[in-house]
Amino acid sequence: MQAVLYSHARNNLRQIIDEACDNFEEFVISTKDDKQAVLLSYEEYEAMKETLYLLSSRKNRERLLDAVEEIERGDYTVRELEIDE
């Protein structure tokens, strides 16, 4: 995450947007009176929203965390998916 002043962000907005979108870089943009905002790619923002949604349900959160633990232990089965065409 990079911190930049508002004036730098204003003067280099296209470059900052490109970096956020192409490299998933995040920027904290600060004003002189210490107000701060974050600029990140729309794709990353949507992924964060989806993660928050998936973790918002207690049952779903527990199931996902259990699945992560199983994977970390190597306790899983690899299967081929059959796709009907």
N, C-alpha and C. Protein backbone atom coordinates (compact mmCIF):
# COMPACT_ATOMS: atom_id res chain seq x y z
N MET A 1 0.85 -1.17 0.00
CA MET A 1 0.00 0.00 0.00
C MET A 1 0.90 1.23 0.00
N GLN A 2 0.60 2.13 -0.90
CA GLN A 2 1.38 3.36 -1.00
C GLN A 2 0.58 4.53 -0.47
N ALA A 3 1.25 5.43 0.21
CA ALA A 3 0.62 6.65 0.71
C ALA A 3 1.06 7.81 -0.17
N VAL A 4 0.10 8.58 -0.65
CA VAL A 4 0.41 9.74 -1.47
C VAL A 4 -0.43 10.92 -1.01
N LEU A 5 0.09 12.11 -1.24
CA LEU A 5 -0.66 13.32 -0.94
C LEU A 5 -1.67 13.57 -2.04
N TYR A 6 -2.73 14.27 -1.68
CA TYR A 6 -3.80 14.59 -2.62
C TYR A 6 -3.26 15.26 -3.88
N SER A 7 -2.36 16.24 -3.73
CA SER A 7 -1.84 16.97 -4.89
C SER A 7 -1.11 16.03 -5.84
N HIS A 8 -0.35 15.08 -5.30
CA HIS A 8 0.34 14.10 -6.15
C HIS A 8 -0.69 13.21 -6.86
N ALA A 9 -1.69 12.77 -6.13
CA ALA A 9 -2.72 11.92 -6.72
C ALA A 9 -3.46 12.66 -7.83
N ARG A 10 -3.79 13.91 -7.60
CA ARG A 10 -4.50 14.72 -8.60
C ARG A 10 -3.66 14.87 -9.87
N ASN A 11 -2.37 15.14 -9.69
CA ASN A 11 -1.49 15.36 -10.84
C ASN A 11 -1.12 14.07 -11.57
N ASN A 12 -1.30 12.92 -10.93
CA ASN A 12 -0.89 11.64 -11.50
C ASN A 12 -2.02 10.62 -11.47
N LEU A 13 -3.24 11.09 -11.55
CA LEU A 13 -4.39 10.21 -11.35
C LEU A 13 -4.42 9.05 -12.34
N ARG A 14 -4.17 9.30 -13.61
CA ARG A 14 -4.21 8.22 -14.60
C ARG A 14 -3.17 7.15 -14.27
N GLN A 15 -1.97 7.56 -13.91
CA GLN A 15 -0.90 6.62 -13.57
C GLN A 15 -1.27 5.81 -12.32
N ILE A 16 -1.85 6.45 -11.34
CA ILE A 16 -2.25 5.77 -10.11
C ILE A 16 -3.36 4.76 -10.39
N ILE A 17 -4.33 5.15 -11.21
CA ILE A 17 -5.41 4.23 -11.56
C ILE A 17 -4.85 3.03 -12.32
N ASP A 18 -3.96 3.29 -13.28
CA ASP A 18 -3.35 2.19 -14.03
C ASP A 18 -2.61 1.24 -13.10
N GLU A 19 -1.86 1.77 -12.15
CA GLU A 19 -1.10 0.93 -11.22
C GLU A 19 -2.04 0.12 -10.32
N ALA A 20 -3.12 0.75 -9.90
CA ALA A 20 -4.10 0.05 -9.06
C ALA A 20 -4.75 -1.10 -9.84
N CYS A 21 -5.09 -0.85 -11.09
CA CYS A 21 -5.78 -1.86 -11.89
C CYS A 21 -4.84 -2.93 -12.42
N ASP A 22 -3.67 -2.53 -12.87
CA ASP A 22 -2.74 -3.48 -13.49
C ASP A 22 -1.94 -4.29 -12.49
N ASN A 23 -1.61 -3.69 -11.34
CA ASN A 23 -0.73 -4.35 -10.36
C ASN A 23 -1.40 -4.59 -9.01
N PHE A 24 -2.70 -4.33 -8.92
CA PHE A 24 -3.45 -4.47 -7.67
C PHE A 24 -2.80 -3.69 -6.53
N GLU A 25 -2.22 -2.56 -6.87
CA GLU A 25 -1.62 -1.68 -5.86
C GLU A 25 -2.75 -0.90 -5.19
N GLU A 26 -2.58 -0.62 -3.92
CA GLU A 26 -3.56 0.19 -3.17
C GLU A 26 -2.89 1.49 -2.77
N PHE A 27 -3.66 2.57 -2.79
CA PHE A 27 -3.12 3.88 -2.45
C PHE A 27 -3.95 4.51 -1.34
N VAL A 28 -3.27 5.04 -0.33
CA VAL A 28 -3.91 5.88 0.68
C VAL A 28 -3.63 7.31 0.26
N ILE A 29 -4.67 8.05 0.00
CA ILE A 29 -4.53 9.44 -0.44
C ILE A 29 -4.90 10.33 0.74
N SER A 30 -3.96 11.21 1.11
CA SER A 30 -4.14 12.07 2.29
C SER A 30 -4.23 13.53 1.89
N THR A 31 -5.06 14.26 2.62
CA THR A 31 -5.14 15.71 2.43
C THR A 31 -4.28 16.39 3.49
N LYS A 32 -4.14 17.70 3.35
CA LYS A 32 -3.33 18.45 4.32
C LYS A 32 -3.91 18.38 5.73
N ASP A 33 -5.23 18.24 5.84
CA ASP A 33 -5.85 18.17 7.17
C ASP A 33 -6.08 16.72 7.62
N ASP A 34 -5.25 15.81 7.12
CA ASP A 34 -5.22 14.41 7.54
C ASP A 34 -6.48 13.61 7.28
N LYS A 35 -7.25 14.00 6.28
CA LYS A 35 -8.34 13.14 5.83
C LYS A 35 -7.72 12.13 4.88
N GLN A 36 -8.19 10.90 4.95
CA GLN A 36 -7.60 9.86 4.13
C GLN A 36 -8.68 9.05 3.41
N ALA A 37 -8.35 8.64 2.19
CA ALA A 37 -9.22 7.77 1.40
C ALA A 37 -8.33 6.73 0.74
N VAL A 38 -8.93 5.61 0.35
CA VAL A 38 -8.18 4.53 -0.29
C VAL A 38 -8.65 4.39 -1.73
N LEU A 39 -7.68 4.26 -2.63
CA LEU A 39 -7.97 3.99 -4.03
C LEU A 39 -7.46 2.60 -4.34
N LEU A 40 -8.35 1.75 -4.85
CA LEU A 40 -7.97 0.41 -5.27
C LEU A 40 -8.78 0.06 -6.49
N SER A 41 -8.38 -1.00 -7.20
CA SER A 41 -9.08 -1.39 -8.41
C SER A 41 -10.50 -1.84 -8.09
N TYR A 42 -11.39 -1.66 -9.05
CA TYR A 42 -12.77 -2.11 -8.88
C TYR A 42 -12.81 -3.63 -8.69
N GLU A 43 -11.95 -4.34 -9.40
CA GLU A 43 -11.88 -5.80 -9.28
C GLU A 43 -11.53 -6.22 -7.86
N GLU A 44 -10.55 -5.53 -7.26
CA GLU A 44 -10.16 -5.85 -5.89
C GLU A 44 -11.26 -5.49 -4.91
N TYR A 45 -11.93 -4.37 -5.14
CA TYR A 45 -13.05 -3.95 -4.30
C TYR A 45 -14.17 -4.99 -4.32
N GLU A 46 -14.52 -5.47 -5.52
CA GLU A 46 -15.57 -6.49 -5.64
C GLU A 46 -15.17 -7.78 -4.94
N ALA A 47 -13.90 -8.17 -5.04
CA ALA A 47 -13.42 -9.38 -4.36
C ALA A 47 -13.53 -9.22 -2.85
N MET A 48 -13.21 -8.04 -2.34
CA MET A 48 -13.32 -7.79 -0.90
C MET A 48 -14.78 -7.86 -0.45
N LYS A 49 -15.68 -7.28 -1.23
CA LYS A 49 -17.10 -7.34 -0.90
C LYS A 49 -17.60 -8.77 -0.87
N GLU A 50 -17.18 -9.57 -1.84
CA GLU A 50 -17.60 -10.97 -1.90
C GLU A 50 -17.08 -11.74 -0.69
N THR A 51 -15.82 -11.50 -0.33
CA THR A 51 -15.24 -12.17 0.84
C THR A 51 -16.01 -11.80 2.11
N LEU A 52 -16.30 -10.52 2.27
CA LEU A 52 -17.07 -10.10 3.45
C LEU A 52 -18.44 -10.76 3.47
N TYR A 53 -19.07 -10.86 2.32
CA TYR A 53 -20.38 -11.51 2.25
C TYR A 53 -20.27 -12.99 2.64
N LEU A 54 -19.29 -13.69 2.09
CA LEU A 54 -19.13 -15.11 2.38
C LEU A 54 -18.82 -15.37 3.85
N LEU A 55 -18.12 -14.45 4.47
CA LEU A 55 -17.76 -14.63 5.88
C LEU A 55 -18.80 -14.07 6.84
N SER A 56 -19.83 -13.41 6.32
CA SER A 56 -20.81 -12.76 7.20
C SER A 56 -21.74 -13.77 7.88
N SER A 57 -21.94 -14.92 7.29
CA SER A 57 -22.76 -15.96 7.90
C SER A 57 -21.87 -16.86 8.76
N ARG A 58 -22.26 -17.07 10.01
CA ARG A 58 -21.46 -17.88 10.93
C ARG A 58 -21.23 -19.30 10.38
N LYS A 59 -22.30 -19.92 9.91
CA LYS A 59 -22.18 -21.29 9.39
C LYS A 59 -21.26 -21.35 8.17
N ASN A 60 -21.45 -20.41 7.26
CA ASN A 60 -20.63 -20.39 6.05
C ASN A 60 -19.16 -20.12 6.40
N ARG A 61 -18.94 -19.17 7.31
CA ARG A 61 -17.57 -18.84 7.75
C ARG A 61 -16.89 -20.07 8.33
N GLU A 62 -17.60 -20.80 9.21
CA GLU A 62 -17.03 -22.00 9.82
C GLU A 62 -16.71 -23.06 8.77
N ARG A 63 -17.61 -23.25 7.81
CA ARG A 63 -17.40 -24.24 6.76
C ARG A 63 -16.19 -23.87 5.90
N LEU A 64 -16.07 -22.60 5.55
CA LEU A 64 -14.93 -22.16 4.75
C LEU A 64 -13.62 -22.31 5.50
N LEU A 65 -13.61 -21.95 6.77
CA LEU A 65 -12.39 -22.08 7.57
C LEU A 65 -12.01 -23.54 7.76
N ASP A 66 -13.01 -24.40 7.94
CA ASP A 66 -12.74 -25.84 8.02
C ASP A 66 -12.13 -26.36 6.72
N ALA A 67 -12.65 -25.89 5.60
CA ALA A 67 -12.12 -26.32 4.29
C ALA A 67 -10.68 -25.86 4.12
N VAL A 68 -10.36 -24.66 4.54
CA VAL A 68 -8.98 -24.16 4.45
C VAL A 68 -8.06 -25.02 5.30
N GLU A 69 -8.50 -25.36 6.50
CA GLU A 69 -7.69 -26.22 7.38
C GLU A 69 -7.46 -27.59 6.74
N GLU A 70 -8.50 -28.15 6.13
CA GLU A 70 -8.36 -29.45 5.46
C GLU A 70 -7.33 -29.37 4.33
N ILE A 71 -7.39 -28.33 3.56
CA ILE A 71 -6.44 -28.16 2.46
C ILE A 71 -5.02 -28.02 3.01
N GLU A 72 -4.86 -27.22 4.05
CA GLU A 72 -3.52 -27.03 4.64
C GLU A 72 -2.96 -28.34 5.19
N ARG A 73 -3.82 -29.22 5.68
CA ARG A 73 -3.38 -30.53 6.18
C ARG A 73 -3.16 -31.53 5.04
N GLY A 74 -3.59 -31.18 3.85
CA GLY A 74 -3.50 -32.10 2.72
C GLY A 74 -4.60 -33.14 2.73
N ASP A 75 -5.66 -32.88 3.48
CA ASP A 75 -6.77 -33.80 3.65
C ASP A 75 -7.89 -33.48 2.65
N TYR A 76 -7.64 -33.79 1.37
CA TYR A 76 -8.62 -33.52 0.33
C TYR A 76 -8.44 -34.51 -0.82
N THR A 77 -9.43 -34.55 -1.68
CA THR A 77 -9.41 -35.44 -2.84
C THR A 77 -9.52 -34.59 -4.11
N VAL A 78 -8.67 -34.86 -5.08
CA VAL A 78 -8.73 -34.17 -6.35
C VAL A 78 -9.64 -34.96 -7.28
N ARG A 79 -10.59 -34.28 -7.90
CA ARG A 79 -11.53 -34.93 -8.81
C ARG A 79 -11.59 -34.16 -10.11
N GLU A 80 -11.82 -34.89 -11.18
CA GLU A 80 -12.03 -34.27 -12.48
C GLU A 80 -13.49 -33.87 -12.60
N LEU A 81 -13.74 -32.70 -13.09
CA LEU A 81 -15.12 -32.24 -13.30
C LEU A 81 -15.57 -32.68 -14.68
N GLU A 82 -16.77 -33.17 -14.76
CA GLU A 82 -17.35 -33.54 -16.05
C GLU A 82 -18.22 -32.39 -16.51
N ILE A 83 -17.96 -31.93 -17.70
CA ILE A 83 -18.72 -30.81 -18.24
C ILE A 83 -19.56 -31.32 -19.40
N ASP A 84 -20.88 -31.12 -19.27
CA ASP A 84 -21.79 -31.51 -20.33
C ASP A 84 -21.78 -30.42 -21.40
N GLU A 85 -21.60 -30.83 -22.61
CA GLU A 85 -21.58 -29.84 -23.70
C GLU A 85 -22.79 -29.95 -24.56
